[in-house]
């Protein structure tokens, strides 16, 4: 997934229901952990979620599904 991709949230959270659409606005990779794995963290601007409720949220790649 890249910046500018439209995605669907596959894991609901407080204030963001499962299935919410959003746009990836920033991506970063974590440092390597003790097991040797690193993860992509995507900052997503959510559609229909008011900025006062958090605006952009961060999600792991496994919690996002690209919309085609």
Protein backbone atom coordinates (compact mmCIF):
# COMPACT_ATOMS: atom_id res chain seq x y z
CA UNK A 1 0.00 0.00 0.00
CA UNK A 2 1.16 3.49 -0.83
CA UNK A 3 0.33 7.09 0.03
CA UNK A 4 -2.85 8.11 -1.80
CA UNK A 5 -4.45 4.64 -1.76
CA UNK A 6 -8.11 4.33 -0.77
CA UNK A 7 -8.51 1.71 1.96
CA UNK A 8 -11.22 0.07 4.06
CA UNK A 9 -10.70 -0.45 7.80
CA UNK A 10 -11.05 -4.14 8.69
CA UNK A 11 -10.82 -3.73 12.47
CA UNK A 12 -13.29 -1.50 14.27
CA UNK A 13 -12.23 0.73 17.15
CA UNK A 14 -13.79 3.34 19.40
CA UNK A 15 -15.35 5.99 17.15
CA UNK A 16 -14.36 4.19 13.92
CA UNK A 17 -16.63 1.35 12.80
CA UNK A 18 -15.38 -1.61 10.78
CA UNK A 19 -15.73 -0.91 7.05
CA UNK A 20 -14.95 2.83 7.25
CA UNK A 21 -13.17 4.20 4.16
CA UNK A 22 -10.06 6.32 4.33
CA UNK A 23 -7.09 7.67 2.39
CA UNK A 24 -3.48 6.85 3.30
CA UNK A 25 -1.68 10.17 3.91
CA UNK A 26 1.61 8.94 5.42
CA UNK A 27 3.49 5.65 5.77
CA UNK A 28 6.42 4.67 7.97
CA UNK A 29 8.16 1.46 8.95
CA UNK A 30 8.91 0.51 12.54
CA UNK A 31 12.30 -0.39 13.90
CA UNK A 32 13.12 -4.09 13.99
CA UNK A 33 11.83 -5.76 17.15
CA UNK A 34 13.44 -8.59 19.19
CA UNK A 35 12.07 -11.24 16.81
CA UNK A 36 13.53 -9.44 13.78
CA UNK A 37 10.21 -8.25 12.33
CA UNK A 38 9.28 -4.73 11.33
CA UNK A 39 5.85 -3.38 10.41
CA UNK A 40 4.38 -0.73 8.14
CA UNK A 41 2.27 1.85 9.97
CA UNK A 42 -0.09 3.85 7.78
CA UNK A 43 -1.65 7.16 8.81
CA UNK A 44 -5.18 7.22 7.40
CA UNK A 45 -7.48 10.22 6.91
CA UNK A 46 -10.93 8.76 7.55
CA UNK A 47 -14.06 9.62 5.57
CA UNK A 48 -17.05 10.66 7.65
CA UNK A 49 -15.12 10.91 10.93
CA UNK A 50 -15.03 14.44 12.33
CA UNK A 51 -11.60 15.95 12.99
CA UNK A 52 -12.54 16.61 16.61
CA UNK A 53 -12.90 12.84 17.07
CA UNK A 54 -9.30 12.26 16.16
CA UNK A 55 -8.93 13.10 12.47
CA UNK A 56 -6.12 10.90 11.13
CA UNK A 57 -5.59 7.51 12.72
CA UNK A 58 -2.66 5.08 12.53
CA UNK A 59 -3.21 1.48 11.45
CA UNK A 60 -1.04 -1.54 10.80
CA UNK A 61 -1.12 -2.86 7.24
CA UNK A 62 -2.98 -5.99 8.40
CA UNK A 63 -5.92 -3.82 9.55
CA UNK A 64 -6.41 -2.23 6.11
CA UNK A 65 -7.84 -3.56 2.87
CA UNK A 66 -7.22 -1.73 -0.43
CA UNK A 67 -10.34 -0.63 -2.32
CA UNK A 68 -10.14 -1.25 -6.05
